[in-house]
Amino acid sequence: MMKKYIYEKEQKITCVATVVVCMIDVEKSVKSGNTRLPGISRILLVLRNDVDNLKAVDYVANLARADTKVYVLYTVDVEPIPMDDKVEREFYGKLRKEGKEIVEDAMNRLRSAGIDAEFYDMHIGIAAERILKVEKELAPDIIVMGVRGLSMFKKMFLGSISGEVTKNAKTPVLLVK
């Protein structure tokens, strides 16, 4: 009877009802000893060079179930800059080496937790665009990514990758700080 009343109200109340129903389901899961969220079988884990990725990796390890597939995407947000070939090779080579170490650490953590993890891609360029493109390619149930926690002033001038992804993604986005 309560559900019928809620759905007769405005859209805003319907959203609240949906949240309440989700909270009840999670509460039932916790009481039964299952702390994993139901219905999540594909996770896109976004790692970046400018955030603490370990918190996001550990969160995914706790969120994923035995049948969950985790796709790992590593991104470095840089605007294309014209530079000498040698300097460019050194610059991108250093970024790739750093990225490889971050990805290997994340993959080891996930696999040691019994998670089926697959490295998807390493992207050096416009990070938000690539994340949204991978979202369309993989159709994950959720995107998990770490955030820097920029101040409002810095966001105005630097922008926010997580803000751009959250605003434009069709998939729910979980930001880990």
C-alpha atoms as a PDB file:
ATOM      1  CA  MET A   1       0.000   0.000   0.000  1.00  0.00           C
ATOM      2  CA  MET A   2       2.856   2.345   0.795  1.00  0.00           C
ATOM      3  CA  LYS A   3       4.420   1.802  -2.657  1.00  0.00           C
ATOM      4  CA  LYS A   4       1.155   2.709  -4.414  1.00  0.00           C
ATOM      5  CA  TYR A   5       0.894   5.955  -2.468  1.00  0.00           C
ATOM      6  CA  ILE A   6       4.498   6.924  -3.195  1.00  0.00           C
ATOM      7  CA  TYR A   7       4.205   6.288  -6.929  1.00  0.00           C
ATOM      8  CA  GLU A   8       1.089   8.473  -7.157  1.00  0.00           C
ATOM      9  CA  LYS A   9       3.158  11.453  -5.995  1.00  0.00           C
ATOM     10  CA  GLU A  10       5.581  13.605  -7.988  1.00  0.00           C
ATOM     11  CA  GLN A  11       8.700  12.249  -9.745  1.00  0.00           C
ATOM     12  CA  LYS A  12      10.884  13.595  -6.945  1.00  0.00           C
ATOM     13  CA  ILE A  13       9.159  11.389  -4.398  1.00  0.00           C
ATOM     14  CA  THR A  14       9.397   8.380  -6.709  1.00  0.00           C
ATOM     15  CA  CYS A  15      13.186   8.799  -6.716  1.00  0.00           C
ATOM     16  CA  VAL A  16      13.203   8.841  -2.924  1.00  0.00           C
ATOM     17  CA  ALA A  17      11.110   5.656  -2.926  1.00  0.00           C
ATOM     18  CA  THR A  18      13.648   3.987  -5.202  1.00  0.00           C
ATOM     19  CA  VAL A  19      16.470   4.890  -2.825  1.00  0.00           C
ATOM     20  CA  VAL A  20      14.511   3.541   0.140  1.00  0.00           C
ATOM     21  CA  VAL A  21      13.864   0.255  -1.671  1.00  0.00           C
ATOM     22  CA  CYS A  22      17.586  -0.045  -2.497  1.00  0.00           C
ATOM     23  CA  MET A  23      18.496   0.630   1.123  1.00  0.00           C
ATOM     24  CA  ILE A  24      16.117  -2.103   2.267  1.00  0.00           C
ATOM     25  CA  ASP A  25      17.669  -4.580  -0.189  1.00  0.00           C
ATOM     26  CA  VAL A  26      21.168  -3.719   0.999  1.00  0.00           C
ATOM     27  CA  GLU A  27      20.054  -4.062   4.614  1.00  0.00           C
ATOM     28  CA  LYS A  28      18.661  -7.537   3.853  1.00  0.00           C
ATOM     29  CA  SER A  29      21.928  -8.462   2.140  1.00  0.00           C
ATOM     30  CA  VAL A  30      23.994  -7.342   5.119  1.00  0.00           C
ATOM     31  CA  LYS A  31      21.759  -9.242   7.573  1.00  0.00           C
ATOM     32  CA  SER A  32      22.135 -12.399   5.492  1.00  0.00           C
ATOM     33  CA  GLY A  33      25.917 -12.014   5.480  1.00  0.00           C
ATOM     34  CA  ASN A  34      26.148 -10.949   1.816  1.00  0.00           C
ATOM     35  CA  THR A  35      27.795  -7.518   1.680  1.00  0.00           C
ATOM     36  CA  ARG A  36      28.012  -7.469  -2.118  1.00  0.00           C
ATOM     37  CA  LEU A  37      25.524  -5.365  -4.043  1.00  0.00           C
ATOM     38  CA  PRO A  38      23.156  -7.445  -6.157  1.00  0.00           C
ATOM     39  CA  GLY A  39      23.125  -7.093  -9.929  1.00  0.00           C
ATOM     40  CA  ILE A  40      26.675  -5.847 -10.441  1.00  0.00           C
ATOM     41  CA  SER A  41      28.445  -8.204 -12.813  1.00  0.00           C
ATOM     42  CA  ARG A  42      30.638  -5.754 -14.774  1.00  0.00           C
ATOM     43  CA  ILE A  43      32.691  -3.006 -13.136  1.00  0.00           C
ATOM     44  CA  LEU A  44      34.810  -0.437 -14.942  1.00  0.00           C
ATOM     45  CA  LEU A  45      37.614   0.553 -12.573  1.00  0.00           C
ATOM     46  CA  VAL A  46      39.294   3.765 -13.695  1.00  0.00           C
ATOM     47  CA  LEU A  47      42.833   4.300 -12.431  1.00  0.00           C
ATOM     48  CA  ARG A  48      44.569   7.627 -12.863  1.00  0.00           C
ATOM     49  CA  ASN A  49      48.053   8.968 -12.361  1.00  0.00           C
ATOM     50  CA  ASP A  50      46.924  11.866 -10.163  1.00  0.00           C
ATOM     51  CA  VAL A  51      44.810  10.190  -7.460  1.00  0.00           C
ATOM     52  CA  ASP A  52      45.178   7.600  -4.709  1.00  0.00           C
ATOM     53  CA  ASN A  53      44.028   4.528  -6.627  1.00  0.00           C
ATOM     54  CA  LEU A  54      44.446   2.064  -3.767  1.00  0.00           C
ATOM     55  CA  LYS A  55      41.232   3.156  -2.058  1.00  0.00           C
ATOM     56  CA  ALA A  56      39.253   2.653  -5.271  1.00  0.00           C
ATOM     57  CA  VAL A  57      40.908  -0.735  -5.896  1.00  0.00           C
ATOM     58  CA  ASP A  58      40.161  -1.894  -2.353  1.00  0.00           C
ATOM     59  CA  TYR A  59      36.579  -0.670  -2.642  1.00  0.00           C
ATOM     60  CA  VAL A  60      36.101  -2.633  -5.869  1.00  0.00           C
ATOM     61  CA  ALA A  61      37.617  -5.721  -4.231  1.00  0.00           C
ATOM     62  CA  ASN A  62      34.964  -5.456  -1.501  1.00  0.00           C
ATOM     63  CA  LEU A  63      32.138  -4.617  -3.913  1.00  0.00           C
ATOM     64  CA  ALA A  64      32.718  -7.364  -6.473  1.00  0.00           C
ATOM     65  CA  ARG A  65      31.158 -10.809  -6.201  1.00  0.00           C
ATOM     66  CA  ALA A  66      32.700 -14.077  -7.380  1.00  0.00           C
ATOM     67  CA  ASP A  67      30.963 -13.743 -10.749  1.00  0.00           C
ATOM     68  CA  THR A  68      31.880 -10.059 -11.239  1.00  0.00           C
ATOM     69  CA  LYS A  69      34.240  -9.065 -14.044  1.00  0.00           C
ATOM     70  CA  VAL A  70      36.362  -5.975 -13.376  1.00  0.00           C
ATOM     71  CA  TYR A  71      37.793  -4.075 -16.334  1.00  0.00           C
ATOM     72  CA  VAL A  72      40.745  -1.819 -15.507  1.00  0.00           C
ATOM     73  CA  LEU A  73      41.289   1.370 -17.484  1.00  0.00           C
ATOM     74  CA  TYR A  74      44.322   3.543 -16.772  1.00  0.00           C
ATOM     75  CA  THR A  75      44.165   7.178 -17.844  1.00  0.00           C
ATOM     76  CA  VAL A  76      46.472  10.173 -17.786  1.00  0.00           C
ATOM     77  CA  ASP A  77      44.761  13.467 -18.513  1.00  0.00           C
ATOM     78  CA  VAL A  78      47.033  15.544 -20.762  1.00  0.00           C
ATOM     79  CA  GLU A  79      46.285  17.925 -23.573  1.00  0.00           C
ATOM     80  CA  PRO A  80      48.241  17.204 -26.754  1.00  0.00           C
ATOM     81  CA  ILE A  81      51.395  19.321 -26.633  1.00  0.00           C
ATOM     82  CA  PRO A  82      53.670  19.843 -29.629  1.00  0.00           C
ATOM     83  CA  MET A  83      57.178  18.715 -28.686  1.00  0.00           C
ATOM     84  CA  ASP A  84      60.373  17.323 -30.108  1.00  0.00           C
ATOM     85  CA  ASP A  85      60.212  13.592 -31.002  1.00  0.00           C
ATOM     86  CA  LYS A  86      62.885  12.605 -28.475  1.00  0.00           C
ATOM     87  CA  VAL A  87      61.261  14.629 -25.694  1.00  0.00           C
ATOM     88  CA  GLU A  88      57.860  13.187 -26.620  1.00  0.00           C
ATOM     89  CA  ARG A  89      59.154   9.594 -26.480  1.00  0.00           C
ATOM     90  CA  GLU A  90      60.751  10.221 -23.075  1.00  0.00           C
ATOM     91  CA  PHE A  91      57.669  12.025 -21.719  1.00  0.00           C
ATOM     92  CA  TYR A  92      55.140   9.390 -22.847  1.00  0.00           C
ATOM     93  CA  GLY A  93      57.533   6.553 -22.018  1.00  0.00           C
ATOM     94  CA  LYS A  94      57.777   7.777 -18.430  1.00  0.00           C
ATOM     95  CA  LEU A  95      53.982   8.055 -18.187  1.00  0.00           C
ATOM     96  CA  ARG A  96      53.527   4.538 -19.613  1.00  0.00           C
ATOM     97  CA  LYS A  97      56.091   3.079 -17.198  1.00  0.00           C
ATOM     98  CA  GLU A  98      54.384   4.745 -14.237  1.00  0.00           C
ATOM     99  CA  GLY A  99      51.005   3.540 -15.507  1.00  0.00           C
ATOM    100  CA  LYS A 100      52.219  -0.023 -15.934  1.00  0.00           C
ATOM    101  CA  GLU A 101      53.360  -0.097 -12.283  1.00  0.00           C
ATOM    102  CA  ILE A 102      50.023   1.286 -11.050  1.00  0.00           C
ATOM    103  CA  VAL A 103      48.044  -1.190 -13.159  1.00  0.00           C
ATOM    104  CA  GLU A 104      50.183  -4.165 -12.086  1.00  0.00           C
ATOM    105  CA  ASP A 105      49.715  -3.253  -8.422  1.00  0.00           C
ATOM    106  CA  ALA A 106      45.948  -2.892  -8.874  1.00  0.00           C
ATOM    107  CA  MET A 107      45.653  -6.165 -10.814  1.00  0.00           C
ATOM    108  CA  ASN A 108      47.659  -8.026  -8.162  1.00  0.00           C
ATOM    109  CA  ARG A 109      45.452  -6.644  -5.381  1.00  0.00           C
ATOM    110  CA  LEU A 110      42.260  -7.586  -7.218  1.00  0.00           C
ATOM    111  CA  ARG A 111      43.434 -11.060  -8.177  1.00  0.00           C
ATOM    112  CA  SER A 112      44.710 -11.792  -4.657  1.00  0.00           C
ATOM    113  CA  ALA A 113      41.168 -10.953  -3.474  1.00  0.00           C
ATOM    114  CA  GLY A 114      39.812 -13.559  -5.919  1.00  0.00           C
ATOM    115  CA  ILE A 115      38.430 -11.002  -8.384  1.00  0.00           C
ATOM    116  CA  ASP A 116      38.312 -11.701 -12.124  1.00  0.00           C
ATOM    117  CA  ALA A 117      40.137  -8.596 -13.379  1.00  0.00           C
ATOM    118  CA  GLU A 118      41.168  -7.752 -16.922  1.00  0.00           C
ATOM    119  CA  PHE A 119      43.366  -4.881 -18.064  1.00  0.00           C
ATOM    120  CA  TYR A 120      41.393  -3.021 -20.721  1.00  0.00           C
ATOM    121  CA  ASP A 121      43.463  -0.045 -21.872  1.00  0.00           C
ATOM    122  CA  MET A 122      46.035   2.612 -21.044  1.00  0.00           C
ATOM    123  CA  HIS A 123      45.128   6.045 -22.368  1.00  0.00           C
ATOM    124  CA  ILE A 124      47.233   9.180 -22.349  1.00  0.00           C
ATOM    125  CA  GLY A 125      45.176  12.120 -23.556  1.00  0.00           C
ATOM    126  CA  ILE A 126      41.760  13.555 -22.736  1.00  0.00           C
ATOM    127  CA  ALA A 127      40.752  11.225 -19.878  1.00  0.00           C
ATOM    128  CA  ALA A 128      37.027  11.981 -19.557  1.00  0.00           C
ATOM    129  CA  GLU A 129      36.431  11.409 -23.281  1.00  0.00           C
ATOM    130  CA  ARG A 130      38.186   8.032 -23.150  1.00  0.00           C
ATOM    131  CA  ILE A 131      36.360   6.917 -20.008  1.00  0.00           C
ATOM    132  CA  LEU A 132      32.999   7.738 -21.594  1.00  0.00           C
ATOM    133  CA  LYS A 133      33.986   5.929 -24.802  1.00  0.00           C
ATOM    134  CA  VAL A 134      35.000   2.816 -22.850  1.00  0.00           C
ATOM    135  CA  GLU A 135      31.702   3.009 -20.967  1.00  0.00           C
ATOM    136  CA  LYS A 136      29.869   2.736 -24.301  1.00  0.00           C
ATOM    137  CA  GLU A 137      32.117  -0.137 -25.449  1.00  0.00           C
ATOM    138  CA  LEU A 138      31.867  -2.241 -22.270  1.00  0.00           C
ATOM    139  CA  ALA A 139      28.420  -1.282 -20.912  1.00  0.00           C
ATOM    140  CA  PRO A 140      29.453  -1.811 -17.265  1.00  0.00           C
ATOM    141  CA  ASP A 141      26.953  -1.883 -14.408  1.00  0.00           C
ATOM    142  CA  ILE A 142      28.990   0.718 -12.516  1.00  0.00           C
ATOM    143  CA  ILE A 143      32.078   2.904 -12.986  1.00  0.00           C
ATOM    144  CA  VAL A 144      34.376   3.235  -9.971  1.00  0.00           C
ATOM    145  CA  MET A 145      37.060   5.898  -9.881  1.00  0.00           C
ATOM    146  CA  GLY A 146      39.151   7.788  -7.378  1.00  0.00           C
ATOM    147  CA  VAL A 147      38.937  11.565  -7.073  1.00  0.00           C
ATOM    148  CA  ARG A 148      41.427  14.266  -6.191  1.00  0.00           C
ATOM    149  CA  GLY A 149      39.035  16.445  -4.215  1.00  0.00           C
ATOM    150  CA  LEU A 150      39.804  19.720  -5.960  1.00  0.00           C
ATOM    151  CA  SER A 151      38.702  22.982  -4.403  1.00  0.00           C
ATOM    152  CA  MET A 152      35.990  24.961  -6.177  1.00  0.00           C
ATOM    153  CA  PHE A 153      38.622  27.458  -7.378  1.00  0.00           C
ATOM    154  CA  LYS A 154      40.798  24.744  -8.959  1.00  0.00           C
ATOM    155  CA  LYS A 155      37.769  23.062 -10.555  1.00  0.00           C
ATOM    156  CA  MET A 156      36.917  26.330 -12.325  1.00  0.00           C
ATOM    157  CA  PHE A 157      40.342  26.507 -13.973  1.00  0.00           C
ATOM    158  CA  LEU A 158      41.406  22.876 -14.235  1.00  0.00           C
ATOM    159  CA  GLY A 159      38.056  21.164 -14.662  1.00  0.00           C
ATOM    160  CA  SER A 160      37.159  17.864 -13.086  1.00  0.00           C
ATOM    161  CA  ILE A 161      37.464  14.501 -14.814  1.00  0.00           C
ATOM    162  CA  SER A 162      35.156  12.841 -12.308  1.00  0.00           C
ATOM    163  CA  GLY A 163      32.645  15.691 -12.699  1.00  0.00           C
ATOM    164  CA  GLU A 164      32.648  15.337 -16.476  1.00  0.00           C
ATOM    165  CA  VAL A 165      32.240  11.560 -16.291  1.00  0.00           C
ATOM    166  CA  THR A 166      29.490  11.784 -13.666  1.00  0.00           C
ATOM    167  CA  LYS A 167      27.603  14.368 -15.703  1.00  0.00           C
ATOM    168  CA  ASN A 168      27.763  12.488 -19.031  1.00  0.00           C
ATOM    169  CA  ALA A 169      27.875   8.787 -18.155  1.00  0.00           C
ATOM    170  CA  LYS A 170      24.783   6.645 -18.646  1.00  0.00           C
ATOM    171  CA  THR A 171      26.107   4.196 -16.036  1.00  0.00           C
ATOM    172  CA  PRO A 172      26.130   4.939 -12.288  1.00  0.00           C
ATOM    173  CA  VAL A 173      29.472   6.357 -11.159  1.00  0.00           C
ATOM    174  CA  LEU A 174      30.967   5.681  -7.754  1.00  0.00           C
ATOM    175  CA  LEU A 175      33.607   8.209  -6.710  1.00  0.00           C
ATOM    176  CA  VAL A 176      36.059   7.089  -4.027  1.00  0.00           C
ATOM    177  CA  LYS A 177      37.881   9.784  -2.068  1.00  0.00           C
END
